[in-house]
PDB file of N, CA and C in Angstrom:
ATOM      1  N   MET A   1     -57.455 -24.069 -15.977  1.00  0.00           N
ATOM      2  CA  MET A   1     -56.831 -23.714 -14.714  1.00  0.00           C
ATOM      3  C   MET A   1     -57.330 -22.341 -14.278  1.00  0.00           C
ATOM      4  N   ASN A   2     -57.428 -22.183 -12.981  1.00  0.00           N
ATOM      5  CA  ASN A   2     -57.881 -20.897 -12.469  1.00  0.00           C
ATOM      6  C   ASN A   2     -56.704 -19.944 -12.246  1.00  0.00           C
ATOM      7  N   ARG A   3     -57.030 -18.703 -11.984  1.00  0.00           N
ATOM      8  CA  ARG A   3     -55.989 -17.675 -11.834  1.00  0.00           C
ATOM      9  C   ARG A   3     -55.025 -17.926 -10.676  1.00  0.00           C
ATOM     10  N   PRO A   4     -55.503 -18.320  -9.487  1.00  0.00           N
ATOM     11  CA  PRO A   4     -54.536 -18.578  -8.411  1.00  0.00           C
ATOM     12  C   PRO A   4     -53.539 -19.691  -8.764  1.00  0.00           C
ATOM     13  N   THR A   5     -54.002 -20.717  -9.436  1.00  0.00           N
ATOM     14  CA  THR A   5     -53.105 -21.805  -9.837  1.00  0.00           C
ATOM     15  C   THR A   5     -52.045 -21.297 -10.803  1.00  0.00           C
ATOM     16  N   LEU A   6     -52.472 -20.547 -11.808  1.00  0.00           N
ATOM     17  CA  LEU A   6     -51.515 -20.002 -12.777  1.00  0.00           C
ATOM     18  C   LEU A   6     -50.542 -19.038 -12.113  1.00  0.00           C
ATOM     19  N   ALA A   7     -51.035 -18.250 -11.179  1.00  0.00           N
ATOM     20  CA  ALA A   7     -50.166 -17.312 -10.471  1.00  0.00           C
ATOM     21  C   ALA A   7     -49.121 -18.051  -9.643  1.00  0.00           C
ATOM     22  N   LEU A   8     -49.536 -19.118  -8.969  1.00  0.00           N
ATOM     23  CA  LEU A   8     -48.588 -19.889  -8.165  1.00  0.00           C
ATOM     24  C   LEU A   8     -47.571 -20.609  -9.043  1.00  0.00           C
ATOM     25  N   ILE A   9     -48.018 -21.114 -10.185  1.00  0.00           N
ATOM     26  CA  ILE A   9     -47.082 -21.764 -11.115  1.00  0.00           C
ATOM     27  C   ILE A   9     -46.055 -20.744 -11.607  1.00  0.00           C
ATOM     28  N   ALA A  10     -46.527 -19.568 -11.983  1.00  0.00           N
ATOM     29  CA  ALA A  10     -45.617 -18.528 -12.475  1.00  0.00           C
ATOM     30  C   ALA A  10     -44.662 -18.068 -11.387  1.00  0.00           C
ATOM     31  N   LEU A  11     -45.174 -17.834 -10.193  1.00  0.00           N
ATOM     32  CA  LEU A  11     -44.329 -17.377  -9.092  1.00  0.00           C
ATOM     33  C   LEU A  11     -43.320 -18.447  -8.679  1.00  0.00           C
ATOM     34  N   GLY A  12     -43.779 -19.687  -8.567  1.00  0.00           N
ATOM     35  CA  GLY A  12     -42.870 -20.778  -8.199  1.00  0.00           C
ATOM     36  C   GLY A  12     -41.806 -21.009  -9.258  1.00  0.00           C
ATOM     37  N   GLY A  13     -42.216 -20.995 -10.525  1.00  0.00           N
ATOM     38  CA  GLY A  13     -41.240 -21.170 -11.610  1.00  0.00           C
ATOM     39  C   GLY A  13     -40.234 -20.039 -11.658  1.00  0.00           C
ATOM     40  N   ALA A  14     -40.703 -18.815 -11.462  1.00  0.00           N
ATOM     41  CA  ALA A  14     -39.792 -17.663 -11.461  1.00  0.00           C
ATOM     42  C   ALA A  14     -38.826 -17.721 -10.280  1.00  0.00           C
ATOM     43  N   THR A  15     -39.318 -18.164  -9.130  1.00  0.00           N
ATOM     44  CA  THR A  15     -38.459 -18.275  -7.950  1.00  0.00           C
ATOM     45  C   THR A  15     -37.393 -19.343  -8.154  1.00  0.00           C
ATOM     46  N   ILE A  16     -37.773 -20.477  -8.722  1.00  0.00           N
ATOM     47  CA  ILE A  16     -36.789 -21.532  -9.003  1.00  0.00           C
ATOM     48  C   ILE A  16     -35.786 -21.065 -10.048  1.00  0.00           C
ATOM     49  N   ALA A  17     -36.250 -20.380 -11.087  1.00  0.00           N
ATOM     50  CA  ALA A  17     -35.340 -19.858 -12.117  1.00  0.00           C
ATOM     51  C   ALA A  17     -34.367 -18.847 -11.513  1.00  0.00           C
ATOM     52  N   ALA A  18     -34.868 -17.964 -10.649  1.00  0.00           N
ATOM     53  CA  ALA A  18     -33.993 -16.986  -9.993  1.00  0.00           C
ATOM     54  C   ALA A  18     -32.980 -17.683  -9.085  1.00  0.00           C
ATOM     55  N   ALA A  19     -33.428 -18.728  -8.381  1.00  0.00           N
ATOM     56  CA  ALA A  19     -32.513 -19.484  -7.516  1.00  0.00           C
ATOM     57  C   ALA A  19     -31.423 -20.163  -8.338  1.00  0.00           C
ATOM     58  N   LEU A  20     -31.799 -20.701  -9.499  1.00  0.00           N
ATOM     59  CA  LEU A  20     -30.800 -21.325 -10.377  1.00  0.00           C
ATOM     60  C   LEU A  20     -29.780 -20.306 -10.873  1.00  0.00           C
ATOM     61  N   LEU A  21     -30.244 -19.132 -11.255  1.00  0.00           N
ATOM     62  CA  LEU A  21     -29.318 -18.078 -11.698  1.00  0.00           C
ATOM     63  C   LEU A  21     -28.414 -17.627 -10.563  1.00  0.00           C
ATOM     64  N   TRP A  22     -28.977 -17.480  -9.381  1.00  0.00           N
ATOM     65  CA  TRP A  22     -28.209 -17.070  -8.213  1.00  0.00           C
ATOM     66  C   TRP A  22     -27.173 -18.140  -7.858  1.00  0.00           C
ATOM     67  N   TRP A  23     -27.596 -19.407  -7.897  1.00  0.00           N
ATOM     68  CA  TRP A  23     -26.673 -20.514  -7.642  1.00  0.00           C
ATOM     69  C   TRP A  23     -25.540 -20.503  -8.666  1.00  0.00           C
ATOM     70  N   TRP A  24     -25.892 -20.312  -9.937  1.00  0.00           N
ATOM     71  CA  TRP A  24     -24.884 -20.299 -10.998  1.00  0.00           C
ATOM     72  C   TRP A  24     -23.904 -19.140 -10.805  1.00  0.00           C
ATOM     73  N   ALA A  25     -24.417 -17.978 -10.428  1.00  0.00           N
ATOM     74  CA  ALA A  25     -23.540 -16.821 -10.202  1.00  0.00           C
ATOM     75  C   ALA A  25     -22.574 -17.081  -9.052  1.00  0.00           C
ATOM     76  N   THR A  26     -23.017 -17.851  -8.069  1.00  0.00           N
ATOM     77  CA  THR A  26     -22.169 -18.133  -6.911  1.00  0.00           C
ATOM     78  C   THR A  26     -21.150 -19.236  -7.193  1.00  0.00           C
ATOM     79  N   PHE A  27     -21.547 -20.307  -7.878  1.00  0.00           N
ATOM     80  CA  PHE A  27     -20.698 -21.492  -7.978  1.00  0.00           C
ATOM     81  C   PHE A  27     -20.072 -21.753  -9.343  1.00  0.00           C
ATOM     82  N   SER A  28     -20.453 -21.018 -10.370  1.00  0.00           N
ATOM     83  CA  SER A  28     -19.953 -21.329 -11.716  1.00  0.00           C
ATOM     84  C   SER A  28     -18.443 -21.197 -11.843  1.00  0.00           C
ATOM     85  N   ALA A  29     -17.874 -20.187 -11.214  1.00  0.00           N
ATOM     86  CA  ALA A  29     -16.419 -20.006 -11.311  1.00  0.00           C
ATOM     87  C   ALA A  29     -15.676 -21.170 -10.658  1.00  0.00           C
ATOM     88  N   PHE A  30     -16.219 -21.691  -9.572  1.00  0.00           N
ATOM     89  CA  PHE A  30     -15.570 -22.815  -8.895  1.00  0.00           C
ATOM     90  C   PHE A  30     -15.589 -24.066  -9.773  1.00  0.00           C
ATOM     91  N   VAL A  31     -16.676 -24.269 -10.488  1.00  0.00           N
ATOM     92  CA  VAL A  31     -16.758 -25.405 -11.410  1.00  0.00           C
ATOM     93  C   VAL A  31     -15.839 -25.166 -12.598  1.00  0.00           C
ATOM     94  N   HIS A  32     -15.863 -23.949 -13.126  1.00  0.00           N
ATOM     95  CA  HIS A  32     -15.050 -23.623 -14.301  1.00  0.00           C
ATOM     96  C   HIS A  32     -13.560 -23.850 -14.037  1.00  0.00           C
ATOM     97  N   TYR A  33     -13.078 -23.446 -12.879  1.00  0.00           N
ATOM     98  CA  TYR A  33     -11.660 -23.583 -12.568  1.00  0.00           C
ATOM     99  C   TYR A  33     -11.302 -24.917 -11.918  1.00  0.00           C
ATOM    100  N   GLY A  34     -12.277 -25.806 -11.789  1.00  0.00           N
ATOM    101  CA  GLY A  34     -11.997 -27.146 -11.272  1.00  0.00           C
ATOM    102  C   GLY A  34     -11.918 -27.240  -9.769  1.00  0.00           C
ATOM    103  N   ASN A  35     -12.334 -26.206  -9.051  1.00  0.00           N
ATOM    104  CA  ASN A  35     -12.296 -26.264  -7.593  1.00  0.00           C
ATOM    105  C   ASN A  35     -13.448 -27.084  -7.021  1.00  0.00           C
ATOM    106  N   LEU A  36     -14.534 -27.169  -7.765  1.00  0.00           N
ATOM    107  CA  LEU A  36     -15.698 -27.969  -7.391  1.00  0.00           C
ATOM    108  C   LEU A  36     -16.112 -28.792  -8.591  1.00  0.00           C
ATOM    109  N   SER A  37     -16.549 -29.999  -8.358  1.00  0.00           N
ATOM    110  CA  SER A  37     -17.088 -30.804  -9.458  1.00  0.00           C
ATOM    111  C   SER A  37     -18.552 -30.420  -9.669  1.00  0.00           C
ATOM    112  N   TRP A  38     -19.094 -30.785 -10.839  1.00  0.00           N
ATOM    113  CA  TRP A  38     -20.508 -30.529 -11.107  1.00  0.00           C
ATOM    114  C   TRP A  38     -21.410 -31.168 -10.060  1.00  0.00           C
ATOM    115  N   PRO A  39     -21.175 -32.434  -9.671  1.00  0.00           N
ATOM    116  CA  PRO A  39     -22.038 -33.027  -8.638  1.00  0.00           C
ATOM    117  C   PRO A  39     -21.975 -32.281  -7.304  1.00  0.00           C
ATOM    118  N   ASP A  40     -20.767 -31.844  -6.904  1.00  0.00           N
ATOM    119  CA  ASP A  40     -20.649 -31.098  -5.645  1.00  0.00           C
ATOM    120  C   ASP A  40     -21.381 -29.764  -5.733  1.00  0.00           C
ATOM    121  N   ALA A  41     -21.210 -29.062  -6.844  1.00  0.00           N
ATOM    122  CA  ALA A  41     -21.901 -27.781  -7.021  1.00  0.00           C
ATOM    123  C   ALA A  41     -23.409 -27.990  -7.096  1.00  0.00           C
ATOM    124  N   GLY A  42     -23.831 -29.068  -7.736  1.00  0.00           N
ATOM    125  CA  GLY A  42     -25.256 -29.366  -7.821  1.00  0.00           C
ATOM    126  C   GLY A  42     -25.871 -29.639  -6.469  1.00  0.00           C
ATOM    127  N   ARG A  43     -25.123 -30.299  -5.604  1.00  0.00           N
ATOM    128  CA  ARG A  43     -25.627 -30.547  -4.248  1.00  0.00           C
ATOM    129  C   ARG A  43     -25.778 -29.238  -3.476  1.00  0.00           C
ATOM    130  N   CYS A  44     -24.959 -28.249  -3.806  1.00  0.00           N
ATOM    131  CA  CYS A  44     -25.063 -26.943  -3.145  1.00  0.00           C
ATOM    132  C   CYS A  44     -26.340 -26.207  -3.540  1.00  0.00           C
ATOM    133  N   LEU A  45     -26.973 -26.629  -4.631  1.00  0.00           N
ATOM    134  CA  LEU A  45     -28.242 -26.024  -5.046  1.00  0.00           C
ATOM    135  C   LEU A  45     -29.345 -26.335  -4.047  1.00  0.00           C
ATOM    136  N   VAL A  46     -29.326 -27.531  -3.471  1.00  0.00           N
ATOM    137  CA  VAL A  46     -30.444 -27.974  -2.640  1.00  0.00           C
ATOM    138  C   VAL A  46     -30.129 -28.106  -1.148  1.00  0.00           C
ATOM    139  N   ARG A  47     -28.857 -28.159  -0.791  1.00  0.00           N
ATOM    140  CA  ARG A  47     -28.520 -28.256   0.635  1.00  0.00           C
ATOM    141  C   ARG A  47     -27.114 -27.706   0.876  1.00  0.00           C
ATOM    142  N   ASP A  48     -26.903 -27.260   2.101  1.00  0.00           N
ATOM    143  CA  ASP A  48     -25.601 -26.727   2.479  1.00  0.00           C
ATOM    144  C   ASP A  48     -24.708 -27.837   3.013  1.00  0.00           C
ATOM    145  N   SER A  49     -23.431 -27.685   2.772  1.00  0.00           N
ATOM    146  CA  SER A  49     -22.427 -28.584   3.329  1.00  0.00           C
ATOM    147  C   SER A  49     -21.204 -27.735   3.631  1.00  0.00           C
ATOM    148  N   ASP A  50     -20.180 -28.357   4.182  1.00  0.00           N
ATOM    149  CA  ASP A  50     -18.957 -27.609   4.485  1.00  0.00           C
ATOM    150  C   ASP A  50     -18.314 -27.062   3.218  1.00  0.00           C
ATOM    151  N   ILE A  51     -18.310 -27.864   2.154  1.00  0.00           N
ATOM    152  CA  ILE A  51     -17.688 -27.408   0.906  1.00  0.00           C
ATOM    153  C   ILE A  51     -18.486 -26.260   0.287  1.00  0.00           C
ATOM    154  N   CYS A  52     -19.798 -26.300   0.423  1.00  0.00           N
ATOM    155  CA  CYS A  52     -20.638 -25.206  -0.091  1.00  0.00           C
ATOM    156  C   CYS A  52     -20.396 -23.934   0.707  1.00  0.00           C
ATOM    157  N   ALA A  53     -20.305 -24.075   2.019  1.00  0.00           N
ATOM    158  CA  ALA A  53     -20.064 -22.910   2.871  1.00  0.00           C
ATOM    159  C   ALA A  53     -18.708 -22.282   2.554  1.00  0.00           C
ATOM    160  N   LEU A  54     -17.704 -23.107   2.348  1.00  0.00           N
ATOM    161  CA  LEU A  54     -16.381 -22.590   1.994  1.00  0.00           C
ATOM    162  C   LEU A  54     -16.424 -21.858   0.660  1.00  0.00           C
ATOM    163  N   ALA A  55     -17.084 -22.437  -0.321  1.00  0.00           N
ATOM    164  CA  ALA A  55     -17.192 -21.799  -1.635  1.00  0.00           C
ATOM    165  C   ALA A  55     -17.926 -20.463  -1.536  1.00  0.00           C
ATOM    166  N   LYS A  56     -18.967 -20.409  -0.712  1.00  0.00           N
ATOM    167  CA  LYS A  56     -19.718 -19.161  -0.572  1.00  0.00           C
ATOM    168  C   LYS A  56     -18.878 -18.074   0.088  1.00  0.00           C
ATOM    169  N   VAL A  57     -18.086 -18.444   1.076  1.00  0.00           N
ATOM    170  CA  VAL A  57     -17.211 -17.467   1.727  1.00  0.00           C
ATOM    171  C   VAL A  57     -16.176 -16.950   0.729  1.00  0.00           C
ATOM    172  N   LEU A  58     -15.599 -17.842  -0.045  1.00  0.00           N
ATOM    173  CA  LEU A  58     -14.631 -17.419  -1.053  1.00  0.00           C
ATOM    174  C   LEU A  58     -15.290 -16.577  -2.137  1.00  0.00           C
ATOM    175  N   CYS A  59     -16.525 -16.904  -2.475  1.00  0.00           N
ATOM    176  CA  CYS A  59     -17.264 -16.142  -3.474  1.00  0.00           C
ATOM    177  C   CYS A  59     -17.499 -14.717  -2.994  1.00  0.00           C
ATOM    178  N   LEU A  60     -17.860 -14.553  -1.738  1.00  0.00           N
ATOM    179  CA  LEU A  60     -18.110 -13.218  -1.196  1.00  0.00           C
ATOM    180  C   LEU A  60     -16.855 -12.369  -1.207  1.00  0.00           C
ATOM    181  N   SER A  61     -15.698 -12.986  -1.048  1.00  0.00           N
ATOM    182  CA  SER A  61     -14.461 -12.208  -1.069  1.00  0.00           C
ATOM    183  C   SER A  61     -14.109 -11.758  -2.485  1.00  0.00           C
ATOM    184  N   ALA A  62     -14.659 -12.433  -3.505  1.00  0.00           N
ATOM    185  CA  ALA A  62     -14.351 -12.087  -4.892  1.00  0.00           C
ATOM    186  C   ALA A  62     -15.377 -11.142  -5.517  1.00  0.00           C
ATOM    187  N   HIS A  63     -16.571 -11.029  -4.919  1.00  0.00           N
ATOM    188  CA  HIS A  63     -17.632 -10.195  -5.474  1.00  0.00           C
ATOM    189  C   HIS A  63     -17.804  -8.925  -4.642  1.00  0.00           C
ATOM    190  N   PRO A  64     -18.405  -7.934  -5.232  1.00  0.00           N
ATOM    191  CA  PRO A  64     -18.707  -6.725  -4.451  1.00  0.00           C
ATOM    192  C   PRO A  64     -19.661  -7.046  -3.299  1.00  0.00           C
ATOM    193  N   ARG A  65     -19.703  -6.212  -2.320  1.00  0.00           N
ATOM    194  CA  ARG A  65     -20.515  -6.447  -1.129  1.00  0.00           C
ATOM    195  C   ARG A  65     -22.013  -6.427  -1.414  1.00  0.00           C
ATOM    196  N   VAL A  66     -22.438  -5.950  -2.566  1.00  0.00           N
ATOM    197  CA  VAL A  66     -23.865  -5.964  -2.885  1.00  0.00           C
ATOM    198  C   VAL A  66     -24.313  -7.363  -3.292  1.00  0.00           C
ATOM    199  N   PHE A  67     -23.379  -8.255  -3.548  1.00  0.00           N
ATOM    200  CA  PHE A  67     -23.680  -9.626  -3.945  1.00  0.00           C
ATOM    201  C   PHE A  67     -23.794 -10.489  -2.696  1.00  0.00           C
ATOM    202  N   TYR A  68     -24.869 -11.236  -2.593  1.00  0.00           N
ATOM    203  CA  TYR A  68     -25.059 -12.154  -1.474  1.00  0.00           C
ATOM    204  C   TYR A  68     -24.840 -13.583  -1.946  1.00  0.00           C
ATOM    205  N   ALA A  69     -24.189 -14.380  -1.123  1.00  0.00           N
ATOM    206  CA  ALA A  69     -23.957 -15.782  -1.467  1.00  0.00           C
ATOM    207  C   ALA A  69     -25.286 -16.519  -1.550  1.00  0.00           C
ATOM    208  N   TYR A  70     -25.325 -17.523  -2.371  1.00  0.00           N
ATOM    209  CA  TYR A  70     -26.535 -18.297  -2.616  1.00  0.00           C
ATOM    210  C   TYR A  70     -27.108 -18.884  -1.330  1.00  0.00           C
ATOM    211  N   TRP A  71     -28.425 -18.850  -1.221  1.00  0.00           N
ATOM    212  CA  TRP A  71     -29.156 -19.401  -0.080  1.00  0.00           C
ATOM    213  C   TRP A  71     -30.044 -20.528  -0.592  1.00  0.00           C
ATOM    214  N   THR A  72     -29.871 -21.735  -0.079  1.00  0.00           N
ATOM    215  CA  THR A  72     -30.633 -22.882  -0.561  1.00  0.00           C
ATOM    216  C   THR A  72     -32.135 -22.729  -0.321  1.00  0.00           C
ATOM    217  N   GLY A  73     -32.500 -21.929   0.640  1.00  0.00           N
ATOM    218  CA  GLY A  73     -33.911 -21.699   0.921  1.00  0.00           C
ATOM    219  C   GLY A  73     -34.650 -21.080  -0.251  1.00  0.00           C
ATOM    220  N   ALA A  74     -33.954 -20.349  -1.105  1.00  0.00           N
ATOM    221  CA  ALA A  74     -34.597 -19.748  -2.279  1.00  0.00           C
ATOM    222  C   ALA A  74     -35.129 -20.831  -3.209  1.00  0.00           C
ATOM    223  N   PHE A  75     -34.339 -21.869  -3.444  1.00  0.00           N
ATOM    224  CA  PHE A  75     -34.777 -22.975  -4.285  1.00  0.00           C
ATOM    225  C   PHE A  75     -35.977 -23.673  -3.663  1.00  0.00           C
ATOM    226  N   TRP A  76     -35.886 -23.979  -2.361  1.00  0.00           N
ATOM    227  CA  TRP A  76     -36.968 -24.706  -1.705  1.00  0.00           C
ATOM    228  C   TRP A  76     -38.231 -23.864  -1.581  1.00  0.00           C
ATOM    229  N   LEU A  77     -38.086 -22.554  -1.450  1.00  0.00           N
ATOM    230  CA  LEU A  77     -39.252 -21.678  -1.450  1.00  0.00           C
ATOM    231  C   LEU A  77     -39.981 -21.774  -2.787  1.00  0.00           C
ATOM    232  N   GLY A  78     -39.230 -21.786  -3.875  1.00  0.00           N
ATOM    233  CA  GLY A  78     -39.832 -21.956  -5.194  1.00  0.00           C
ATOM    234  C   GLY A  78     -40.531 -23.290  -5.339  1.00  0.00           C
ATOM    235  N   VAL A  79     -39.923 -24.340  -4.807  1.00  0.00           N
ATOM    236  CA  VAL A  79     -40.540 -25.671  -4.869  1.00  0.00           C
ATOM    237  C   VAL A  79     -41.844 -25.689  -4.073  1.00  0.00           C
ATOM    238  N   VAL A  80     -41.851 -25.060  -2.907  1.00  0.00           N
ATOM    239  CA  VAL A  80     -43.065 -25.014  -2.081  1.00  0.00           C
ATOM    240  C   VAL A  80     -44.170 -24.251  -2.797  1.00  0.00           C
ATOM    241  N   VAL A  81     -43.833 -23.108  -3.376  1.00  0.00           N
ATOM    242  CA  VAL A  81     -44.847 -22.310  -4.076  1.00  0.00           C
ATOM    243  C   VAL A  81     -45.357 -23.074  -5.293  1.00  0.00           C
ATOM    244  N   LEU A  82     -44.468 -23.693  -6.045  1.00  0.00           N
ATOM    245  CA  LEU A  82     -44.881 -24.482  -7.199  1.00  0.00           C
ATOM    246  C   LEU A  82     -45.752 -25.664  -6.767  1.00  0.00           C
ATOM    247  N   SER A  83     -45.403 -26.294  -5.673  1.00  0.00           N
ATOM    248  CA  SER A  83     -46.197 -27.410  -5.157  1.00  0.00           C
ATOM    249  C   SER A  83     -47.565 -26.941  -4.669  1.00  0.00           C
ATOM    250  N   ALA A  84     -47.617 -25.735  -4.142  1.00  0.00           N
ATOM    251  CA  ALA A  84     -48.899 -25.203  -3.671  1.00  0.00           C
ATOM    252  C   ALA A  84     -49.887 -25.031  -4.811  1.00  0.00           C
ATOM    253  N   SER A  85     -49.372 -24.897  -6.019  1.00  0.00           N
ATOM    254  CA  SER A  85     -50.281 -24.780  -7.177  1.00  0.00           C
ATOM    255  C   SER A  85     -51.081 -26.068  -7.380  1.00  0.00           C
ATOM    256  N   LEU A  86     -50.567 -27.193  -6.911  1.00  0.00           N
ATOM    257  CA  LEU A  86     -51.303 -28.455  -6.999  1.00  0.00           C
ATOM    258  C   LEU A  86     -52.529 -28.445  -6.102  1.00  0.00           C
ATOM    259  N   TRP A  87     -52.431 -27.736  -4.985  1.00  0.00           N
ATOM    260  CA  TRP A  87     -53.553 -27.672  -4.053  1.00  0.00           C
ATOM    261  C   TRP A  87     -54.683 -26.802  -4.588  1.00  0.00           C
ATOM    262  N   THR A  88     -54.334 -25.844  -5.444  1.00  0.00           N
ATOM    263  CA  THR A  88     -55.357 -24.931  -5.959  1.00  0.00           C
ATOM    264  C   THR A  88     -55.927 -25.387  -7.295  1.00  0.00           C
ATOM    265  N   ALA A  89     -55.346 -26.443  -7.861  1.00  0.00           N
ATOM    266  CA  ALA A  89     -55.797 -26.907  -9.178  1.00  0.00           C
ATOM    267  C   ALA A  89     -57.161 -27.565  -9.114  1.00  0.00           C
TER     268      ALA A  89
END
């Protein structure tokens, strides 16, 4: 593999890993306390819905203002970058 391919794989993987951590930081308490099921929280990883928006608003009220609610675009950005590595292979 060439360097651009490896760089895109690393960047895409790191972006997806960061998105997963960010998603977990936002939704884990809701799953832990039974306010959201695992499938509902999992759907919030890849797309927004009313229940995801409500959870994010409640999450922001519980965290300091330096914490931003999860953005699904972070996950998809990682997927796009990881997929771009296929074009450079």
